[in-house]
Amino acid sequence: MIDFLKKVPLLKHMSEDRLREIAERARIKKYDEKEVIIRQGENSDKFYIIKEGLVGIILEVDRKNEEVMGNLKGKGEFFGEIGIIYNIPRSATVIALAPTEVLQFSDSDFMELIFGDEKARHMLQELAENRLMQNEQTLEKYKKTILDVIYKYNI
């Protein structure tokens, strides 16, 4: 597992001791193709790193319109950070597009072990801001805002 973590761009700068601690706290979860991993609007209490497989990110604008975000995520990539960092509900739905295995971390483990690292925190904050901006641009295309979506779904 440590060999895999050394190859994850977000973590590759971390010490072997830190990676060992991350590996010890990770829960391995497996998802079948087309299985929902997280759903937009849910409580943000987990962070995920893809060990194997492929996921798609879907932003639900309203009950009739869904748009697949431009980024598919594969091995070594991650998701679930936005809701934890900003303490907001899930900003998108993530679906396994192939059999997928992830490392799952509780929000507290994420904050302590990953977000607690200065270099990782800087990378995560920049990525989270970019992802939120992409979401806003998608919503703008439909003349919506994140607040409209939150209100509509009682989030």
C-alpha atoms as a PDB file:
ATOM      1  CA  MET A   1       0.000   0.000   0.000  1.00  0.00           C
ATOM      2  CA  ILE A   2       2.850   2.430   0.804  1.00  0.00           C
ATOM      3  CA  ASP A   3       4.293   1.906  -2.678  1.00  0.00           C
ATOM      4  CA  PHE A   4       0.926   2.964  -4.138  1.00  0.00           C
ATOM      5  CA  LEU A   5       0.695   6.030  -1.839  1.00  0.00           C
ATOM      6  CA  LYS A   6       4.198   7.140  -2.912  1.00  0.00           C
ATOM      7  CA  LYS A   7       2.855   7.423  -6.471  1.00  0.00           C
ATOM      8  CA  VAL A   8      -0.203   9.536  -5.565  1.00  0.00           C
ATOM      9  CA  PRO A   9       0.702  13.099  -6.637  1.00  0.00           C
ATOM     10  CA  LEU A  10      -1.007  14.610  -3.578  1.00  0.00           C
ATOM     11  CA  LEU A  11       1.037  12.452  -1.186  1.00  0.00           C
ATOM     12  CA  LYS A  12       4.335  11.687  -2.924  1.00  0.00           C
ATOM     13  CA  HIS A  13       6.264  14.369  -1.019  1.00  0.00           C
ATOM     14  CA  MET A  14       5.297  12.918   2.395  1.00  0.00           C
ATOM     15  CA  SER A  15       7.627  10.945   4.646  1.00  0.00           C
ATOM     16  CA  GLU A  16       7.449   7.176   4.806  1.00  0.00           C
ATOM     17  CA  ASP A  17       6.193   7.425   8.409  1.00  0.00           C
ATOM     18  CA  ARG A  18       3.321   9.704   7.374  1.00  0.00           C
ATOM     19  CA  LEU A  19       2.453   7.403   4.461  1.00  0.00           C
ATOM     20  CA  ARG A  20       2.485   4.403   6.796  1.00  0.00           C
ATOM     21  CA  GLU A  21       0.038   6.187   9.116  1.00  0.00           C
ATOM     22  CA  ILE A  22      -2.180   7.083   6.151  1.00  0.00           C
ATOM     23  CA  ALA A  23      -2.109   3.445   5.000  1.00  0.00           C
ATOM     24  CA  GLU A  24      -3.051   2.219   8.476  1.00  0.00           C
ATOM     25  CA  ARG A  25      -6.094   4.502   8.664  1.00  0.00           C
ATOM     26  CA  ALA A  26      -7.363   3.841   5.138  1.00  0.00           C
ATOM     27  CA  ARG A  27     -10.421   1.651   4.630  1.00  0.00           C
ATOM     28  CA  ILE A  28     -10.512  -0.192   1.331  1.00  0.00           C
ATOM     29  CA  LYS A  29     -13.917  -0.037  -0.346  1.00  0.00           C
ATOM     30  CA  LYS A  30     -14.946  -1.686  -3.615  1.00  0.00           C
ATOM     31  CA  TYR A  31     -17.667  -0.478  -5.955  1.00  0.00           C
ATOM     32  CA  ASP A  32     -19.247  -2.144  -8.962  1.00  0.00           C
ATOM     33  CA  GLU A  33     -19.656  -0.418 -12.308  1.00  0.00           C
ATOM     34  CA  LYS A  34     -22.502   2.146 -12.176  1.00  0.00           C
ATOM     35  CA  GLU A  35     -22.554   2.132  -8.367  1.00  0.00           C
ATOM     36  CA  VAL A  36     -22.914   5.547  -6.701  1.00  0.00           C
ATOM     37  CA  ILE A  37     -20.020   6.260  -4.349  1.00  0.00           C
ATOM     38  CA  ILE A  38     -21.221   9.644  -3.101  1.00  0.00           C
ATOM     39  CA  ARG A  39     -24.364  11.601  -3.926  1.00  0.00           C
ATOM     40  CA  GLN A  40     -24.659  15.348  -4.356  1.00  0.00           C
ATOM     41  CA  GLY A  41     -26.207  16.946  -1.277  1.00  0.00           C
ATOM     42  CA  GLU A  42     -25.141  14.218   1.173  1.00  0.00           C
ATOM     43  CA  ASN A  43     -23.139  14.928   4.300  1.00  0.00           C
ATOM     44  CA  SER A  44     -19.427  15.354   3.529  1.00  0.00           C
ATOM     45  CA  ASP A  45     -17.727  12.996   5.930  1.00  0.00           C
ATOM     46  CA  LYS A  46     -15.358  10.897   3.770  1.00  0.00           C
ATOM     47  CA  PHE A  47     -12.368  11.487   1.478  1.00  0.00           C
ATOM     48  CA  TYR A  48     -11.401   9.029  -1.267  1.00  0.00           C
ATOM     49  CA  ILE A  49      -8.288   8.108  -3.236  1.00  0.00           C
ATOM     50  CA  ILE A  50      -8.813   5.843  -6.249  1.00  0.00           C
ATOM     51  CA  LYS A  51      -6.634   2.736  -6.015  1.00  0.00           C
ATOM     52  CA  GLU A  52      -8.042   1.045  -9.138  1.00  0.00           C
ATOM     53  CA  GLY A  53     -10.833   1.859 -11.562  1.00  0.00           C
ATOM     54  CA  LEU A  54     -12.514   4.921 -12.992  1.00  0.00           C
ATOM     55  CA  VAL A  55     -15.167   7.306 -11.688  1.00  0.00           C
ATOM     56  CA  GLY A  56     -17.321   9.999 -13.280  1.00  0.00           C
ATOM     57  CA  ILE A  57     -18.322  13.239 -11.608  1.00  0.00           C
ATOM     58  CA  ILE A  58     -21.913  14.391 -12.154  1.00  0.00           C
ATOM     59  CA  LEU A  59     -23.298  17.760 -11.138  1.00  0.00           C
ATOM     60  CA  GLU A  60     -27.071  17.645 -10.827  1.00  0.00           C
ATOM     61  CA  VAL A  61     -28.442  21.033 -11.775  1.00  0.00           C
ATOM     62  CA  ASP A  62     -32.052  20.091 -11.142  1.00  0.00           C
ATOM     63  CA  ARG A  63     -34.115  16.925 -11.220  1.00  0.00           C
ATOM     64  CA  LYS A  64     -34.232  16.943 -15.049  1.00  0.00           C
ATOM     65  CA  ASN A  65     -30.734  18.079 -16.021  1.00  0.00           C
ATOM     66  CA  GLU A  66     -27.484  16.332 -15.217  1.00  0.00           C
ATOM     67  CA  GLU A  67     -24.143  17.241 -16.638  1.00  0.00           C
ATOM     68  CA  VAL A  68     -21.091  15.012 -16.494  1.00  0.00           C
ATOM     69  CA  MET A  69     -18.192  17.170 -15.494  1.00  0.00           C
ATOM     70  CA  GLY A  70     -15.229  17.205 -17.848  1.00  0.00           C
ATOM     71  CA  ASN A  71     -12.969  15.273 -15.525  1.00  0.00           C
ATOM     72  CA  LEU A  72     -13.056  11.550 -15.150  1.00  0.00           C
ATOM     73  CA  LYS A  73     -10.865  10.344 -12.338  1.00  0.00           C
ATOM     74  CA  GLY A  74      -8.671   7.278 -12.291  1.00  0.00           C
ATOM     75  CA  LYS A  75      -5.916   5.589 -10.321  1.00  0.00           C
ATOM     76  CA  GLY A  76      -4.123   7.906  -7.896  1.00  0.00           C
ATOM     77  CA  GLU A  77      -6.693  10.690  -8.150  1.00  0.00           C
ATOM     78  CA  PHE A  78      -9.021  11.730  -5.341  1.00  0.00           C
ATOM     79  CA  PHE A  79     -12.403  13.237  -4.546  1.00  0.00           C
ATOM     80  CA  GLY A  80     -14.507  14.272  -1.571  1.00  0.00           C
ATOM     81  CA  GLU A  81     -12.258  17.067  -0.338  1.00  0.00           C
ATOM     82  CA  ILE A  82     -14.499  20.048  -1.144  1.00  0.00           C
ATOM     83  CA  GLY A  83     -17.274  19.276   1.337  1.00  0.00           C
ATOM     84  CA  ILE A  84     -14.836  18.538   4.142  1.00  0.00           C
ATOM     85  CA  ILE A  85     -12.628  21.581   3.539  1.00  0.00           C
ATOM     86  CA  TYR A  86     -15.556  24.008   3.278  1.00  0.00           C
ATOM     87  CA  ASN A  87     -17.886  22.128   5.643  1.00  0.00           C
ATOM     88  CA  ILE A  88     -20.652  21.938   3.020  1.00  0.00           C
ATOM     89  CA  PRO A  89     -22.730  19.060   1.594  1.00  0.00           C
ATOM     90  CA  ARG A  90     -21.400  17.082  -1.356  1.00  0.00           C
ATOM     91  CA  SER A  91     -21.108  19.350  -4.380  1.00  0.00           C
ATOM     92  CA  ALA A  92     -21.457  16.539  -6.950  1.00  0.00           C
ATOM     93  CA  THR A  93     -22.284  12.857  -7.380  1.00  0.00           C
ATOM     94  CA  VAL A  94     -19.486  10.351  -8.022  1.00  0.00           C
ATOM     95  CA  ILE A  95     -20.266   7.093  -9.848  1.00  0.00           C
ATOM     96  CA  ALA A  96     -17.986   4.141 -10.566  1.00  0.00           C
ATOM     97  CA  LEU A  97     -17.674   3.782 -14.346  1.00  0.00           C
ATOM     98  CA  ALA A  98     -15.821   0.475 -13.985  1.00  0.00           C
ATOM     99  CA  PRO A  99     -15.175  -1.819 -11.048  1.00  0.00           C
ATOM    100  CA  THR A 100     -13.416   0.570  -8.675  1.00  0.00           C
ATOM    101  CA  GLU A 101     -11.425   0.239  -5.476  1.00  0.00           C
ATOM    102  CA  VAL A 102     -10.839   3.276  -3.282  1.00  0.00           C
ATOM    103  CA  LEU A 103      -9.070   4.151  -0.086  1.00  0.00           C
ATOM    104  CA  GLN A 104     -11.628   5.830   2.140  1.00  0.00           C
ATOM    105  CA  PHE A 105     -10.738   8.170   5.005  1.00  0.00           C
ATOM    106  CA  SER A 106     -12.927   9.706   7.677  1.00  0.00           C
ATOM    107  CA  ASP A 107     -13.134  13.486   7.679  1.00  0.00           C
ATOM    108  CA  SER A 108     -11.057  13.654  10.865  1.00  0.00           C
ATOM    109  CA  ASP A 109      -8.312  11.399   9.427  1.00  0.00           C
ATOM    110  CA  PHE A 110      -8.302  13.486   6.246  1.00  0.00           C
ATOM    111  CA  MET A 111      -7.960  16.737   8.199  1.00  0.00           C
ATOM    112  CA  GLU A 112      -5.221  15.362  10.454  1.00  0.00           C
ATOM    113  CA  LEU A 113      -3.100  13.302   8.065  1.00  0.00           C
ATOM    114  CA  ILE A 114      -3.573  14.856   4.639  1.00  0.00           C
ATOM    115  CA  PHE A 115      -4.952  18.388   4.997  1.00  0.00           C
ATOM    116  CA  GLY A 116      -2.691  18.812   8.025  1.00  0.00           C
ATOM    117  CA  ASP A 117       0.347  18.604   5.731  1.00  0.00           C
ATOM    118  CA  GLU A 118       1.223  22.111   4.498  1.00  0.00           C
ATOM    119  CA  LYS A 119       2.115  21.136   0.930  1.00  0.00           C
ATOM    120  CA  ALA A 120      -0.942  18.875   0.546  1.00  0.00           C
ATOM    121  CA  ARG A 121      -3.192  21.554   2.094  1.00  0.00           C
ATOM    122  CA  HIS A 122      -1.988  24.136  -0.436  1.00  0.00           C
ATOM    123  CA  MET A 123      -2.607  21.734  -3.361  1.00  0.00           C
ATOM    124  CA  LEU A 124      -6.045  20.763  -2.019  1.00  0.00           C
ATOM    125  CA  GLN A 125      -7.181  24.336  -1.459  1.00  0.00           C
ATOM    126  CA  GLU A 126      -6.184  25.322  -4.984  1.00  0.00           C
ATOM    127  CA  LEU A 127      -7.883  22.266  -6.515  1.00  0.00           C
ATOM    128  CA  ALA A 128     -11.032  22.721  -4.419  1.00  0.00           C
ATOM    129  CA  GLU A 129     -11.329  26.352  -5.532  1.00  0.00           C
ATOM    130  CA  ASN A 130     -10.922  25.321  -9.179  1.00  0.00           C
ATOM    131  CA  ARG A 131     -13.505  22.550  -8.864  1.00  0.00           C
ATOM    132  CA  LEU A 132     -16.017  24.869  -7.212  1.00  0.00           C
ATOM    133  CA  MET A 133     -15.428  27.409  -9.984  1.00  0.00           C
ATOM    134  CA  GLN A 134     -16.092  24.681 -12.599  1.00  0.00           C
ATOM    135  CA  ASN A 135     -19.333  23.820 -10.793  1.00  0.00           C
ATOM    136  CA  GLU A 136     -20.373  27.480 -10.775  1.00  0.00           C
ATOM    137  CA  GLN A 137     -19.656  27.770 -14.511  1.00  0.00           C
ATOM    138  CA  THR A 138     -21.794  24.713 -15.224  1.00  0.00           C
ATOM    139  CA  LEU A 139     -24.616  26.038 -13.081  1.00  0.00           C
ATOM    140  CA  GLU A 140     -24.308  29.467 -14.706  1.00  0.00           C
ATOM    141  CA  LYS A 141     -24.926  27.842 -18.078  1.00  0.00           C
ATOM    142  CA  TYR A 142     -28.316  26.762 -16.687  1.00  0.00           C
ATOM    143  CA  LYS A 143     -28.881  30.137 -14.995  1.00  0.00           C
ATOM    144  CA  LYS A 144     -28.560  28.577 -11.546  1.00  0.00           C
ATOM    145  CA  THR A 145     -26.280  29.133  -8.581  1.00  0.00           C
ATOM    146  CA  ILE A 146     -25.109  26.711  -5.968  1.00  0.00           C
ATOM    147  CA  LEU A 147     -27.488  28.486  -3.563  1.00  0.00           C
ATOM    148  CA  ASP A 148     -30.418  27.709  -5.917  1.00  0.00           C
ATOM    149  CA  VAL A 149     -29.470  24.036  -5.934  1.00  0.00           C
ATOM    150  CA  ILE A 150     -28.989  23.953  -2.153  1.00  0.00           C
ATOM    151  CA  TYR A 151     -32.382  25.625  -1.626  1.00  0.00           C
ATOM    152  CA  LYS A 152     -34.174  23.367  -4.104  1.00  0.00           C
ATOM    153  CA  TYR A 153     -32.919  20.193  -2.439  1.00  0.00           C
ATOM    154  CA  ASN A 154     -33.212  21.473   1.134  1.00  0.00           C
ATOM    155  CA  ILE A 155     -29.510  20.993   1.668  1.00  0.00           C
END
